[in-house]
Amino acid sequence: MSEPRSVEGRIDEIESRVAISALVAGYCAGLDHRNYGLFTGLWHADGEYRIPGRAEYSGIAEIHRSLEVIDEIWIRNWHWTSNHRVTFTEPDRASGRSDVFSIGQERSTGGTCLTAATYEDEYERRQGQWRFASRTTIRWFVTPAQDIPLPPPS
């Protein structure tokens, strides 16, 4: 039987879960609003961002470049993340998994694509800050561009 955890340890885990959830939300907000500072600030300096079969980015400069690549392809995007699960492997390390559905408007055609994927994450707390050590995007499907008009709100 494991020893009971201290109140301080339990509070630390709750605070850590909140900070990690903010990373997951910040990823979507940074990407969707092309907020490069927010987006790159989510990773540690040696962080990795992988999209198997498409691209791998290591370090902040390359992760910044990933947004430039995304901006070349998409006029705009919207991401909705769900089913976020976090498992602590140590007090300062955790792994996570979440699912995402996104809508993107292609720059080349103006058409709308739908995407479903799973994010597999490694989080680390360094100098008191939780950030991504790595994020891998496993894409399940990306539809061909469709003629679904996305008018601005009225």
N, C-alpha and C. Protein backbone atom coordinates (compact mmCIF):
# COMPACT_ATOMS: atom_id res chain seq x y z
N MET A 1 0.84 -1.18 0.00
CA MET A 1 0.00 0.00 0.00
C MET A 1 0.89 1.25 0.00
N SER A 2 0.54 2.23 -0.82
CA SER A 2 1.35 3.44 -0.89
C SER A 2 1.06 4.35 0.30
N GLU A 3 2.05 5.16 0.62
CA GLU A 3 1.89 6.08 1.74
C GLU A 3 0.96 7.22 1.33
N PRO A 4 0.19 7.74 2.28
CA PRO A 4 -0.68 8.87 1.95
C PRO A 4 0.15 10.08 1.52
N ARG A 5 -0.37 10.80 0.56
CA ARG A 5 0.33 12.00 0.07
C ARG A 5 0.04 13.18 0.99
N SER A 6 0.99 14.06 1.08
CA SER A 6 0.82 15.25 1.92
C SER A 6 -0.17 16.21 1.26
N VAL A 7 -0.73 17.07 2.08
CA VAL A 7 -1.63 18.11 1.57
C VAL A 7 -0.86 18.99 0.58
N GLU A 8 0.38 19.32 0.91
CA GLU A 8 1.19 20.16 0.02
C GLU A 8 1.40 19.48 -1.33
N GLY A 9 1.67 18.18 -1.30
CA GLY A 9 1.86 17.44 -2.55
C GLY A 9 0.59 17.39 -3.38
N ARG A 10 -0.54 17.23 -2.73
CA ARG A 10 -1.82 17.19 -3.45
C ARG A 10 -2.15 18.57 -4.04
N ILE A 11 -1.89 19.63 -3.28
CA ILE A 11 -2.13 20.98 -3.79
C ILE A 11 -1.20 21.27 -4.97
N ASP A 12 0.06 20.85 -4.86
CA ASP A 12 1.00 21.04 -5.96
C ASP A 12 0.50 20.35 -7.23
N GLU A 13 -0.04 19.14 -7.08
CA GLU A 13 -0.55 18.44 -8.26
C GLU A 13 -1.74 19.18 -8.87
N ILE A 14 -2.63 19.68 -8.04
CA ILE A 14 -3.78 20.44 -8.55
C ILE A 14 -3.30 21.68 -9.30
N GLU A 15 -2.39 22.43 -8.70
CA GLU A 15 -1.85 23.62 -9.36
C GLU A 15 -1.14 23.24 -10.66
N SER A 16 -0.44 22.13 -10.65
CA SER A 16 0.25 21.67 -11.85
C SER A 16 -0.74 21.31 -12.95
N ARG A 17 -1.82 20.64 -12.58
CA ARG A 17 -2.84 20.29 -13.58
C ARG A 17 -3.44 21.55 -14.22
N VAL A 18 -3.68 22.57 -13.42
CA VAL A 18 -4.21 23.84 -13.95
C VAL A 18 -3.20 24.46 -14.91
N ALA A 19 -1.93 24.47 -14.54
CA ALA A 19 -0.90 25.05 -15.41
C ALA A 19 -0.77 24.26 -16.71
N ILE A 20 -0.85 22.94 -16.63
CA ILE A 20 -0.75 22.11 -17.83
C ILE A 20 -1.97 22.31 -18.72
N SER A 21 -3.15 22.43 -18.13
CA SER A 21 -4.36 22.71 -18.93
C SER A 21 -4.22 24.04 -19.66
N ALA A 22 -3.59 25.01 -19.02
CA ALA A 22 -3.36 26.30 -19.68
C ALA A 22 -2.43 26.16 -20.88
N LEU A 23 -1.47 25.23 -20.83
CA LEU A 23 -0.62 24.98 -22.00
C LEU A 23 -1.45 24.48 -23.17
N VAL A 24 -2.34 23.53 -22.89
CA VAL A 24 -3.16 22.94 -23.95
C VAL A 24 -4.07 24.00 -24.57
N ALA A 25 -4.69 24.82 -23.74
CA ALA A 25 -5.53 25.91 -24.26
C ALA A 25 -4.69 26.96 -24.98
N GLY A 26 -3.53 27.28 -24.43
CA GLY A 26 -2.65 28.27 -25.04
C GLY A 26 -2.17 27.85 -26.42
N TYR A 27 -1.94 26.56 -26.61
CA TYR A 27 -1.55 26.04 -27.92
C TYR A 27 -2.61 26.41 -28.96
N CYS A 28 -3.88 26.11 -28.65
CA CYS A 28 -4.96 26.40 -29.59
C CYS A 28 -5.10 27.91 -29.81
N ALA A 29 -5.07 28.69 -28.74
CA ALA A 29 -5.21 30.14 -28.86
C ALA A 29 -4.04 30.74 -29.63
N GLY A 30 -2.83 30.30 -29.33
CA GLY A 30 -1.66 30.82 -30.04
C GLY A 30 -1.69 30.50 -31.52
N LEU A 31 -2.11 29.29 -31.84
CA LEU A 31 -2.19 28.86 -33.23
C LEU A 31 -3.33 29.58 -33.96
N ASP A 32 -4.51 29.56 -33.38
CA ASP A 32 -5.68 30.13 -34.05
C ASP A 32 -5.58 31.64 -34.24
N HIS A 33 -4.95 32.32 -33.30
CA HIS A 33 -4.84 33.78 -33.37
C HIS A 33 -3.48 34.25 -33.86
N ARG A 34 -2.66 33.29 -34.30
CA ARG A 34 -1.31 33.58 -34.81
C ARG A 34 -0.53 34.45 -33.83
N ASN A 35 -0.66 34.10 -32.56
CA ASN A 35 0.06 34.79 -31.50
C ASN A 35 1.38 34.05 -31.29
N TYR A 36 2.39 34.48 -32.02
CA TYR A 36 3.68 33.79 -32.02
C TYR A 36 4.32 33.77 -30.63
N GLY A 37 4.21 34.87 -29.89
CA GLY A 37 4.80 34.93 -28.56
C GLY A 37 4.15 33.94 -27.61
N LEU A 38 2.83 33.89 -27.62
CA LEU A 38 2.12 32.92 -26.78
C LEU A 38 2.51 31.51 -27.17
N PHE A 39 2.46 31.23 -28.47
CA PHE A 39 2.70 29.87 -28.98
C PHE A 39 4.11 29.39 -28.62
N THR A 40 5.12 30.19 -28.92
CA THR A 40 6.49 29.74 -28.67
C THR A 40 6.81 29.71 -27.17
N GLY A 41 6.10 30.52 -26.39
CA GLY A 41 6.32 30.54 -24.95
C GLY A 41 5.81 29.30 -24.23
N LEU A 42 5.12 28.43 -24.95
CA LEU A 42 4.57 27.22 -24.34
C LEU A 42 5.60 26.10 -24.22
N TRP A 43 6.71 26.24 -24.95
CA TRP A 43 7.74 25.19 -24.99
C TRP A 43 8.97 25.61 -24.20
N HIS A 44 9.66 24.61 -23.66
CA HIS A 44 11.00 24.85 -23.13
C HIS A 44 11.93 25.12 -24.31
N ALA A 45 13.06 25.74 -24.05
CA ALA A 45 14.00 26.13 -25.11
C ALA A 45 14.41 24.95 -25.99
N ASP A 46 14.48 23.76 -25.43
CA ASP A 46 14.85 22.57 -26.20
C ASP A 46 13.64 21.72 -26.57
N GLY A 47 12.45 22.34 -26.54
CA GLY A 47 11.22 21.61 -26.83
C GLY A 47 11.16 21.08 -28.25
N GLU A 48 10.31 20.07 -28.43
CA GLU A 48 10.12 19.46 -29.74
C GLU A 48 8.64 19.43 -30.09
N TYR A 49 8.36 19.69 -31.37
CA TYR A 49 7.00 19.70 -31.90
C TYR A 49 7.04 18.83 -33.15
N ARG A 50 6.28 17.73 -33.11
CA ARG A 50 6.34 16.75 -34.20
C ARG A 50 4.97 16.53 -34.82
N ILE A 51 4.98 16.43 -36.14
CA ILE A 51 3.81 16.00 -36.90
C ILE A 51 4.32 14.87 -37.79
N PRO A 52 4.27 13.62 -37.30
CA PRO A 52 4.87 12.52 -38.05
C PRO A 52 4.43 12.47 -39.51
N GLY A 53 5.40 12.27 -40.37
CA GLY A 53 5.14 12.22 -41.80
C GLY A 53 5.05 13.59 -42.45
N ARG A 54 5.10 14.65 -41.64
CA ARG A 54 4.98 16.01 -42.17
C ARG A 54 6.18 16.88 -41.79
N ALA A 55 6.44 16.98 -40.49
CA ALA A 55 7.51 17.89 -40.05
C ALA A 55 7.90 17.59 -38.61
N GLU A 56 9.12 17.99 -38.28
CA GLU A 56 9.61 17.93 -36.91
C GLU A 56 10.36 19.23 -36.63
N TYR A 57 10.04 19.86 -35.51
CA TYR A 57 10.64 21.12 -35.14
C TYR A 57 11.29 20.96 -33.77
N SER A 58 12.53 21.41 -33.63
CA SER A 58 13.25 21.33 -32.36
C SER A 58 13.77 22.71 -31.99
N GLY A 59 13.46 23.14 -30.78
CA GLY A 59 13.92 24.45 -30.31
C GLY A 59 12.94 25.55 -30.68
N ILE A 60 13.04 26.65 -29.97
CA ILE A 60 12.08 27.75 -30.11
C ILE A 60 12.09 28.34 -31.52
N ALA A 61 13.25 28.53 -32.13
CA ALA A 61 13.30 29.13 -33.47
C ALA A 61 12.55 28.27 -34.47
N GLU A 62 12.72 26.95 -34.40
CA GLU A 62 12.02 26.07 -35.34
C GLU A 62 10.53 26.00 -35.02
N ILE A 63 10.19 26.02 -33.74
CA ILE A 63 8.77 26.01 -33.37
C ILE A 63 8.11 27.30 -33.86
N HIS A 64 8.82 28.41 -33.78
CA HIS A 64 8.33 29.68 -34.35
C HIS A 64 8.11 29.51 -35.85
N ARG A 65 9.05 28.87 -36.51
CA ARG A 65 8.94 28.63 -37.96
C ARG A 65 7.71 27.78 -38.28
N SER A 66 7.32 26.87 -37.39
CA SER A 66 6.13 26.04 -37.64
C SER A 66 4.89 26.90 -37.82
N LEU A 67 4.78 27.99 -37.06
CA LEU A 67 3.64 28.89 -37.23
C LEU A 67 3.69 29.61 -38.57
N GLU A 68 4.88 29.96 -39.01
CA GLU A 68 5.02 30.59 -40.32
C GLU A 68 4.58 29.63 -41.42
N VAL A 69 4.94 28.36 -41.30
CA VAL A 69 4.52 27.35 -42.27
C VAL A 69 3.00 27.20 -42.25
N ILE A 70 2.42 27.13 -41.05
CA ILE A 70 0.97 27.03 -40.93
C ILE A 70 0.30 28.23 -41.56
N ASP A 71 0.85 29.42 -41.33
CA ASP A 71 0.28 30.65 -41.88
C ASP A 71 0.36 30.68 -43.40
N GLU A 72 1.36 30.02 -43.98
CA GLU A 72 1.46 29.95 -45.44
C GLU A 72 0.37 29.06 -46.03
N ILE A 73 -0.10 28.08 -45.27
CA ILE A 73 -1.08 27.11 -45.77
C ILE A 73 -2.51 27.54 -45.47
N TRP A 74 -2.74 28.08 -44.28
CA TRP A 74 -4.10 28.35 -43.81
C TRP A 74 -4.36 29.84 -43.64
N ILE A 75 -5.52 30.29 -44.11
CA ILE A 75 -5.95 31.67 -43.87
C ILE A 75 -6.29 31.83 -42.39
N ARG A 76 -7.02 30.86 -41.88
CA ARG A 76 -7.41 30.87 -40.47
C ARG A 76 -7.75 29.45 -40.02
N ASN A 77 -7.70 29.25 -38.73
CA ASN A 77 -7.98 27.95 -38.13
C ASN A 77 -8.79 28.14 -36.85
N TRP A 78 -9.47 27.06 -36.47
CA TRP A 78 -10.14 26.99 -35.17
C TRP A 78 -9.89 25.59 -34.63
N HIS A 79 -9.40 25.49 -33.42
CA HIS A 79 -9.09 24.21 -32.79
C HIS A 79 -9.92 24.03 -31.52
N TRP A 80 -10.47 22.84 -31.33
CA TRP A 80 -11.19 22.49 -30.11
C TRP A 80 -10.57 21.21 -29.56
N THR A 81 -10.03 21.31 -28.37
CA THR A 81 -9.37 20.17 -27.74
C THR A 81 -10.28 19.58 -26.68
N SER A 82 -10.32 18.25 -26.60
CA SER A 82 -11.15 17.57 -25.61
C SER A 82 -10.42 16.33 -25.08
N ASN A 83 -11.02 15.70 -24.10
CA ASN A 83 -10.54 14.43 -23.55
C ASN A 83 -9.11 14.52 -23.02
N HIS A 84 -8.74 15.65 -22.45
CA HIS A 84 -7.37 15.84 -21.96
C HIS A 84 -7.15 15.01 -20.70
N ARG A 85 -6.13 14.16 -20.74
CA ARG A 85 -5.75 13.34 -19.61
C ARG A 85 -4.29 13.60 -19.29
N VAL A 86 -3.97 13.69 -18.02
CA VAL A 86 -2.60 13.96 -17.57
C VAL A 86 -2.20 12.89 -16.57
N THR A 87 -0.99 12.35 -16.74
CA THR A 87 -0.42 11.38 -15.81
C THR A 87 0.93 11.90 -15.35
N PHE A 88 1.09 12.03 -14.05
CA PHE A 88 2.36 12.48 -13.49
C PHE A 88 3.29 11.30 -13.34
N THR A 89 4.49 11.42 -13.90
CA THR A 89 5.51 10.38 -13.76
C THR A 89 6.47 10.74 -12.63
N GLU A 90 6.58 12.02 -12.35
CA GLU A 90 7.38 12.58 -11.24
C GLU A 90 6.70 13.90 -10.88
N PRO A 91 7.05 14.51 -9.76
CA PRO A 91 6.43 15.79 -9.43
C PRO A 91 6.64 16.87 -10.49
N ASP A 92 7.75 16.81 -11.24
CA ASP A 92 8.05 17.83 -12.24
C ASP A 92 7.96 17.32 -13.68
N ARG A 93 7.35 16.16 -13.86
CA ARG A 93 7.19 15.58 -15.21
C ARG A 93 5.82 14.93 -15.32
N ALA A 94 5.22 15.12 -16.49
CA ALA A 94 3.92 14.50 -16.73
C ALA A 94 3.78 14.22 -18.22
N SER A 95 2.92 13.28 -18.53
CA SER A 95 2.57 13.04 -19.93
C SER A 95 1.08 13.31 -20.07
N GLY A 96 0.68 13.64 -21.28
CA GLY A 96 -0.71 13.95 -21.51
C GLY A 96 -1.15 13.51 -22.89
N ARG A 97 -2.45 13.40 -23.01
CA ARG A 97 -3.04 13.00 -24.29
C ARG A 97 -4.36 13.74 -24.40
N SER A 98 -4.64 14.29 -25.56
CA SER A 98 -5.91 14.95 -25.81
C SER A 98 -6.27 14.79 -27.28
N ASP A 99 -7.53 14.98 -27.56
CA ASP A 99 -8.02 14.90 -28.93
C ASP A 99 -8.39 16.30 -29.40
N VAL A 100 -8.30 16.49 -30.71
CA VAL A 100 -8.60 17.81 -31.26
C VAL A 100 -9.40 17.67 -32.54
N PHE A 101 -10.33 18.59 -32.72
CA PHE A 101 -11.05 18.74 -33.98
C PHE A 101 -10.76 20.16 -34.43
N SER A 102 -10.44 20.33 -35.69
CA SER A 102 -10.17 21.68 -36.17
C SER A 102 -10.80 21.91 -37.53
N ILE A 103 -11.06 23.17 -37.77
CA ILE A 103 -11.55 23.65 -39.06
C ILE A 103 -10.51 24.64 -39.56
N GLY A 104 -10.12 24.49 -40.80
CA GLY A 104 -9.16 25.41 -41.39
C GLY A 104 -9.58 25.85 -42.77
N GLN A 105 -9.30 27.10 -43.08
CA GLN A 105 -9.59 27.63 -44.41
C GLN A 105 -8.27 27.72 -45.17
N GLU A 106 -8.18 26.94 -46.26
CA GLU A 106 -6.95 26.88 -47.05
C GLU A 106 -6.67 28.18 -47.77
N ARG A 107 -5.41 28.55 -47.80
CA ARG A 107 -5.01 29.76 -48.52
C ARG A 107 -5.10 29.55 -50.04
N SER A 108 -4.71 28.37 -50.52
CA SER A 108 -4.63 28.14 -51.97
C SER A 108 -5.99 28.10 -52.64
N THR A 109 -7.00 27.55 -51.97
CA THR A 109 -8.31 27.39 -52.60
C THR A 109 -9.41 28.18 -51.92
N GLY A 110 -9.18 28.61 -50.69
CA GLY A 110 -10.23 29.24 -49.91
C GLY A 110 -11.20 28.22 -49.34
N GLY A 111 -10.98 26.93 -49.68
CA GLY A 111 -11.85 25.86 -49.21
C GLY A 111 -11.63 25.55 -47.74
N THR A 112 -12.59 24.85 -47.18
CA THR A 112 -12.59 24.51 -45.77
C THR A 112 -12.22 23.04 -45.60
N CYS A 113 -11.28 22.78 -44.70
CA CYS A 113 -10.85 21.41 -44.38
C CYS A 113 -11.19 21.12 -42.92
N LEU A 114 -11.55 19.88 -42.66
CA LEU A 114 -11.82 19.42 -41.31
C LEU A 114 -10.72 18.44 -40.92
N THR A 115 -10.26 18.53 -39.70
CA THR A 115 -9.16 17.67 -39.23
C THR A 115 -9.50 17.10 -37.87
N ALA A 116 -9.15 15.82 -37.67
CA ALA A 116 -9.22 15.19 -36.35
C ALA A 116 -7.83 14.66 -36.04
N ALA A 117 -7.41 14.82 -34.79
CA ALA A 117 -6.07 14.38 -34.41
C ALA A 117 -6.03 14.12 -32.91
N THR A 118 -4.93 13.52 -32.49
CA THR A 118 -4.63 13.30 -31.07
C THR A 118 -3.28 13.94 -30.79
N TYR A 119 -3.20 14.64 -29.67
CA TYR A 119 -1.93 15.20 -29.22
C TYR A 119 -1.36 14.29 -28.13
N GLU A 120 -0.10 13.92 -28.28
CA GLU A 120 0.61 13.20 -27.24
C GLU A 120 1.70 14.13 -26.73
N ASP A 121 1.62 14.46 -25.45
CA ASP A 121 2.47 15.49 -24.87
C ASP A 121 3.36 14.96 -23.76
N GLU A 122 4.50 15.63 -23.62
CA GLU A 122 5.38 15.47 -22.46
C GLU A 122 5.55 16.87 -21.89
N TYR A 123 5.24 17.02 -20.60
CA TYR A 123 5.34 18.30 -19.92
C TYR A 123 6.44 18.21 -18.87
N GLU A 124 7.15 19.30 -18.67
CA GLU A 124 8.16 19.37 -17.62
C GLU A 124 8.08 20.72 -16.92
N ARG A 125 8.31 20.67 -15.62
CA ARG A 125 8.40 21.91 -14.85
C ARG A 125 9.89 22.17 -14.60
N ARG A 126 10.35 23.31 -15.11
CA ARG A 126 11.73 23.74 -14.91
C ARG A 126 11.71 25.16 -14.38
N GLN A 127 12.54 25.43 -13.40
CA GLN A 127 12.56 26.74 -12.74
C GLN A 127 11.14 27.19 -12.39
N GLY A 128 10.31 26.23 -11.97
CA GLY A 128 8.96 26.53 -11.52
C GLY A 128 7.94 26.73 -12.61
N GLN A 129 8.31 26.55 -13.89
CA GLN A 129 7.40 26.79 -15.02
C GLN A 129 7.10 25.49 -15.76
N TRP A 130 5.82 25.16 -15.89
CA TRP A 130 5.41 24.03 -16.71
C TRP A 130 5.39 24.47 -18.17
N ARG A 131 6.00 23.65 -19.03
CA ARG A 131 5.98 23.90 -20.47
C ARG A 131 6.01 22.55 -21.19
N PHE A 132 5.75 22.61 -22.49
CA PHE A 132 5.89 21.40 -23.29
C PHE A 132 7.37 21.04 -23.41
N ALA A 133 7.70 19.79 -23.13
CA ALA A 133 9.00 19.25 -23.51
C ALA A 133 8.86 18.72 -24.94
N SER A 134 7.67 18.16 -25.23
CA SER A 134 7.39 17.73 -26.60
C SER A 134 5.88 17.62 -26.81
N ARG A 135 5.50 17.81 -28.05
CA ARG A 135 4.12 17.57 -28.48
C ARG A 135 4.20 16.86 -29.82
N THR A 136 3.47 15.75 -29.93
CA THR A 136 3.36 15.01 -31.17
C THR A 136 1.91 15.03 -31.59
N THR A 137 1.66 15.44 -32.83
CA THR A 137 0.31 15.49 -33.38
C THR A 137 0.11 14.26 -34.26
N ILE A 138 -0.82 13.41 -33.88
CA ILE A 138 -1.16 12.23 -34.68
C ILE A 138 -2.46 12.54 -35.40
N ARG A 139 -2.36 12.76 -36.69
CA ARG A 139 -3.54 13.16 -37.47
C ARG A 139 -4.30 11.91 -37.91
N TRP A 140 -5.60 11.91 -37.65
CA TRP A 140 -6.46 10.79 -38.05
C TRP A 140 -7.04 11.03 -39.43
N PHE A 141 -7.46 12.25 -39.70
CA PHE A 141 -7.89 12.59 -41.06
C PHE A 141 -7.83 14.09 -41.26
N VAL A 142 -7.66 14.46 -42.52
CA VAL A 142 -7.79 15.84 -42.98
C VAL A 142 -8.61 15.73 -44.25
N THR A 143 -9.78 16.34 -44.26
CA THR A 143 -10.63 16.24 -45.45
C THR A 143 -10.06 17.10 -46.57
N PRO A 144 -10.36 16.72 -47.81
CA PRO A 144 -10.01 17.62 -48.91
C PRO A 144 -10.78 18.94 -48.74
N ALA A 145 -10.25 19.99 -49.33
CA ALA A 145 -10.92 21.30 -49.24
C ALA A 145 -12.33 21.19 -49.80
N GLN A 146 -13.27 21.74 -49.07
CA GLN A 146 -14.67 21.72 -49.47
C GLN A 146 -15.17 23.15 -49.61
N ASP A 147 -16.23 23.30 -50.37
CA ASP A 147 -16.82 24.61 -50.56
C ASP A 147 -17.85 24.86 -49.46
N ILE A 148 -17.35 25.10 -48.27
CA ILE A 148 -18.20 25.44 -47.13
C ILE A 148 -17.88 26.90 -46.81
N PRO A 149 -18.76 27.81 -47.16
CA PRO A 149 -18.46 29.22 -46.91
C PRO A 149 -18.35 29.51 -45.41
N LEU A 150 -17.36 30.30 -45.07
CA LEU A 150 -17.16 30.71 -43.67
C LEU A 150 -17.26 32.23 -43.61
N PRO A 151 -18.49 32.74 -43.69
CA PRO A 151 -18.64 34.20 -43.68
C PRO A 151 -18.28 34.79 -42.32
N PRO A 152 -17.85 36.05 -42.32
CA PRO A 152 -17.58 36.69 -41.04
C PRO A 152 -18.87 36.85 -40.25
N PRO A 153 -18.78 36.94 -38.93
CA PRO A 153 -19.99 37.11 -38.12
C PRO A 153 -20.70 38.40 -38.51
N SER A 154 -22.01 38.36 -38.42
CA SER A 154 -22.78 39.57 -38.76
C SER A 154 -23.13 40.36 -37.53
